Protein backbone atom coordinates (compact mmCIF):
# COMPACT_ATOMS: atom_id res chain seq x y z
CA MET A 1 173.09 169.40 -62.43
CA THR A 2 171.60 167.61 -59.86
CA ALA A 3 172.63 163.62 -59.23
CA HIS A 4 170.23 161.78 -58.39
CA LEU A 5 171.68 159.56 -55.50
CA SER A 6 170.78 155.79 -55.43
CA GLY A 7 172.04 153.08 -53.69
CA PRO A 8 173.28 152.52 -50.74
CA ALA A 9 175.11 155.45 -48.89
CA PRO A 10 179.02 155.09 -48.14
CA ALA A 11 179.79 152.61 -45.50
CA SER A 12 182.39 153.66 -43.16
CA VAL A 13 183.86 157.25 -42.07
CA GLU A 14 187.26 156.36 -43.96
CA GLU A 15 184.89 156.07 -47.58
CA ILE A 16 183.37 159.34 -46.52
CA GLN A 17 186.49 161.10 -46.33
CA LEU A 18 187.91 159.48 -49.47
CA ILE A 19 184.95 161.03 -51.29
CA LYS A 20 185.79 163.99 -49.67
CA SER A 21 189.33 163.87 -50.91
CA SER A 22 188.57 162.92 -54.35
CA ALA A 23 185.68 165.86 -54.82
CA VAL A 24 188.86 168.41 -53.79
CA ARG A 25 191.47 166.65 -56.33
CA LEU A 26 188.12 166.73 -58.98
CA GLN A 27 187.79 170.37 -58.09
CA ARG A 28 190.74 171.49 -59.45
CA GLU A 29 190.66 169.96 -62.29
CA PHE A 30 186.96 171.06 -62.87
CA ASP A 31 187.78 174.53 -61.65
CA GLY A 32 185.27 177.06 -63.14
CA VAL A 33 183.00 174.22 -64.35
CA PHE A 34 181.78 173.22 -61.22
CA GLY A 35 181.70 173.87 -57.48
CA VAL A 36 183.20 171.57 -54.94
CA GLU A 37 179.83 171.07 -53.70
CA THR A 38 178.07 170.07 -57.26
CA ILE A 39 181.47 167.57 -57.83
CA GLU A 40 180.76 166.04 -53.96
CA ARG A 41 177.16 165.61 -54.76
CA PHE A 42 178.60 163.56 -57.90
CA MET A 43 180.92 161.53 -56.14
CA THR A 44 178.79 160.31 -53.40
CA ASP A 45 176.43 159.12 -56.20
CA SER A 46 178.91 157.43 -58.13
CA PHE A 47 180.46 155.87 -55.01
CA GLN A 48 176.68 154.57 -54.44
CA ARG A 49 175.90 153.47 -57.66
CA LEU A 50 179.43 151.51 -57.57
CA ALA A 51 178.18 149.67 -54.14
CA HIS A 52 177.58 146.22 -55.53
CA ALA A 53 180.98 145.94 -56.61
CA ARG A 54 181.99 142.48 -55.43
CA ILE A 55 185.70 143.80 -54.77
CA ARG A 56 184.91 147.05 -52.51
CA THR A 57 188.41 147.85 -52.16
CA TYR A 58 188.48 149.50 -55.84
CA VAL A 59 185.19 151.12 -55.32
CA PRO A 60 186.52 154.49 -54.12
CA VAL A 61 189.38 155.09 -57.27
CA MET A 62 186.61 153.91 -59.80
CA ALA A 63 184.11 156.09 -58.20
CA GLU A 64 186.28 159.07 -58.91
CA ARG A 65 186.84 158.11 -62.26
CA PHE A 66 183.20 157.36 -62.44
CA THR A 67 182.58 160.75 -61.21
CA ARG A 68 185.28 162.73 -63.82
CA ASP A 69 183.54 160.93 -66.98
CA ARG A 70 179.98 162.25 -65.63
CA LEU A 71 181.98 165.62 -65.10
CA ARG A 72 183.33 165.90 -68.55
CA ALA A 73 179.80 164.64 -69.71
CA ALA A 74 177.82 167.06 -68.19
CA ALA A 75 180.19 169.60 -69.00
CA LYS A 76 179.64 168.96 -72.77
CA VAL A 77 175.99 168.98 -72.51
CA GLN A 78 176.18 171.84 -71.25
CA GLY A 79 178.39 173.57 -73.79
CA ARG A 80 181.42 173.81 -72.19
CA ALA A 81 183.28 170.49 -73.38
CA PHE A 82 186.91 169.66 -72.69
CA THR A 83 187.92 168.30 -75.86
CA ASP A 84 186.70 167.78 -79.62
CA ALA A 85 187.03 164.43 -79.81
CA PRO A 86 184.01 162.31 -79.96
CA THR A 87 182.43 160.53 -77.53
CA VAL A 88 181.38 156.91 -77.78
CA LEU A 89 179.18 154.95 -75.54
CA PHE A 90 179.10 151.41 -75.35
CA LEU A 91 176.51 149.97 -73.60
CA CYS A 92 175.02 146.11 -72.75
CA VAL A 93 173.16 144.16 -70.09
CA HIS A 94 175.80 143.97 -67.49
CA ASN A 95 178.54 145.81 -68.77
CA ALA A 96 180.93 142.78 -67.47
CA GLY A 97 182.06 141.50 -70.85
CA ARG A 98 181.35 142.88 -74.51
CA SER A 99 180.84 146.59 -73.54
CA GLN A 100 184.27 146.74 -71.35
CA MET A 101 185.95 144.75 -73.79
CA ALA A 102 185.08 147.00 -76.65
CA ALA A 103 185.88 150.20 -74.56
CA GLY A 104 189.15 148.63 -73.84
CA TRP A 105 189.63 148.19 -77.49
CA MET A 106 188.61 151.75 -78.02
CA ARG A 107 190.98 153.25 -75.84
CA HIS A 108 193.74 150.67 -76.68
CA LEU A 109 193.55 152.07 -80.47
CA ALA A 110 192.20 155.69 -80.13
CA GLY A 111 193.90 156.79 -76.72
CA ASP A 112 192.61 160.03 -76.11
CA ARG A 113 191.39 161.10 -79.54
CA VAL A 114 187.90 159.42 -78.61
CA GLU A 115 186.49 159.76 -75.27
CA VAL A 116 185.39 156.42 -74.35
CA LEU A 117 182.49 155.29 -71.74
CA SER A 118 180.22 152.33 -71.10
CA GLY A 119 177.54 151.11 -69.10
CA GLY A 120 175.19 148.30 -68.44
CA SER A 121 171.15 148.48 -67.68
CA ASP A 122 171.83 145.93 -64.52
CA PRO A 123 175.50 146.22 -63.55
CA ALA A 124 177.15 143.15 -62.40
CA SER A 125 179.29 142.63 -59.32
CA GLN A 126 182.48 142.30 -61.22
CA ILE A 127 184.01 141.88 -64.48
CA ASN A 128 183.86 138.68 -66.66
CA PRO A 129 186.87 136.85 -65.53
CA ALA A 130 187.22 135.08 -68.85
CA ALA A 131 186.79 138.93 -70.80
CA VAL A 132 189.69 139.86 -68.66
CA THR A 133 191.65 136.90 -69.88
CA ALA A 134 190.89 137.16 -73.15
CA MET A 135 191.58 140.96 -73.39
CA ARG A 136 195.05 140.67 -71.37
CA GLU A 137 196.21 138.41 -73.95
CA VAL A 138 196.40 141.22 -76.59
CA GLY A 139 197.62 143.41 -74.17
CA ILE A 140 195.02 145.40 -72.76
CA ASP A 141 193.99 145.07 -68.99
CA ILE A 142 190.29 145.53 -68.08
CA SER A 143 191.11 143.86 -64.62
CA HIS A 144 190.46 146.38 -62.30
CA GLU A 145 187.45 148.00 -63.98
CA ILE A 146 184.15 147.57 -62.37
CA PRO A 147 180.86 147.41 -64.00
CA ARG A 148 178.53 150.87 -63.86
CA PRO A 149 175.15 152.12 -64.94
CA TRP A 150 174.55 154.48 -67.35
CA THR A 151 173.49 158.05 -66.55
CA ASP A 152 171.41 160.76 -67.98
CA GLU A 153 174.73 163.36 -68.66
CA ILE A 154 176.68 160.00 -70.18
CA ILE A 155 173.93 159.80 -72.39
CA GLY A 156 173.76 163.17 -73.24
CA ALA A 157 177.06 163.50 -74.32
CA ALA A 158 177.63 160.50 -76.43
CA ASP A 159 178.03 161.66 -79.97
CA VAL A 160 178.06 157.34 -81.19
CA VAL A 161 175.76 155.10 -78.18
CA VAL A 162 176.87 151.43 -79.60
CA THR A 163 174.08 148.57 -78.30
CA MET A 164 175.12 144.93 -77.53
CA GLY A 165 172.29 142.57 -76.37
CA CYS A 166 170.56 144.92 -73.85
CA GLY A 167 167.25 144.95 -76.49
CA ASP A 168 164.55 147.29 -74.74
CA ALA A 169 166.38 148.11 -72.22
CA CYS A 170 168.86 150.06 -74.05
CA PRO A 171 167.70 154.03 -74.43
CA ILE A 172 166.77 155.33 -77.69
CA VAL A 173 168.57 158.70 -78.13
CA PRO A 174 166.99 160.43 -80.80
CA GLY A 175 169.90 163.25 -82.52
CA LYS A 176 172.65 160.16 -82.24
CA ARG A 177 174.50 157.55 -83.90
CA SER A 178 173.14 154.60 -82.88
CA LEU A 179 174.95 151.36 -83.76
CA ASP A 180 173.74 147.61 -82.71
CA TRP A 181 176.44 145.21 -82.42
CA GLU A 182 175.60 141.49 -82.92
CA LEU A 183 177.63 139.67 -80.99
CA ASP A 184 177.70 136.29 -78.75
CA ALA A 185 177.45 137.33 -75.31
CA PRO A 186 180.99 136.12 -73.29
CA ALA A 187 178.89 135.12 -69.96
CA GLY A 188 179.44 131.60 -68.96
CA LYS A 189 181.59 130.45 -72.07
CA PRO A 190 185.22 129.68 -71.40
CA VAL A 191 187.90 131.87 -72.51
CA GLU A 192 188.52 129.46 -75.45
CA GLN A 193 184.75 130.59 -76.80
CA VAL A 194 185.45 134.24 -75.53
CA ARG A 195 188.40 134.76 -77.64
CA PRO A 196 186.53 135.00 -80.86
CA VAL A 197 184.32 137.82 -79.31
CA ARG A 198 187.00 139.64 -78.66
CA ASP A 199 188.80 139.60 -81.81
CA ASP A 200 184.87 140.31 -83.46
CA ILE A 201 184.76 143.32 -81.16
CA GLU A 202 188.24 144.27 -82.49
CA THR A 203 187.25 144.29 -85.67
CA HIS A 204 183.63 146.46 -85.38
CA VAL A 205 186.05 149.06 -82.75
CA ARG A 206 188.22 149.31 -85.64
CA THR A 207 185.70 149.98 -88.46
CA LEU A 208 184.40 152.68 -86.28
CA LEU A 209 187.53 154.38 -85.49
CA SER A 210 187.67 154.15 -89.55
CA GLU A 211 184.33 156.13 -90.11
CA LEU A 212 185.22 158.31 -87.34
CA ASP A 213 188.51 159.22 -88.88
CA VAL A 214 190.42 158.50 -86.56
CA PRO A 215 193.58 156.50 -86.82
CA ALA A 216 193.97 153.63 -85.24
CA HIS A 217 197.13 152.95 -82.98
CA ALA A 218 199.32 149.70 -84.24
């Protein structure tokens, strides 16, 4: 599978070396599924897709995680899934508020019983600080996340696609279970106004887990 390159290239020799080191680590994880050249190509592309991040220090680490998600998704699309767990994809415009909170709740409540992915049609440069604070109040840390775009392999691997306010920019995927959650956008709101959105998202996530027959952690 070919990764379509986008965004600026790695900016330094150090970043290039970090990409190569990450590719070697991932190759051990995906041995027999993807070769190191393919993994390095995905890693480079993921790095470029996250180059918009305001805090560049986090980019190499998050690019490795993004690449792992994309490779697991690609393997599932090719019929070589690493798990039987359902894959849920949360989408919004900037991947900075609602979709990140939903992904945080899903990981917190489901653990490894659900593969959780998120993305945006126009990723922001950082996570909404009010969303970070609201989630931290309930013991969920999303502060180190970086808004990311969705990709073809991630869309293809999703069993459930949940959209939140991205309108016509959200992909229409035949054969997928699609949900649209009507939630207030937290952008520009103080944490006092984000808390109700956070709580609404928790309710939606718990309902979805029940529908997937996945018990939620206490």
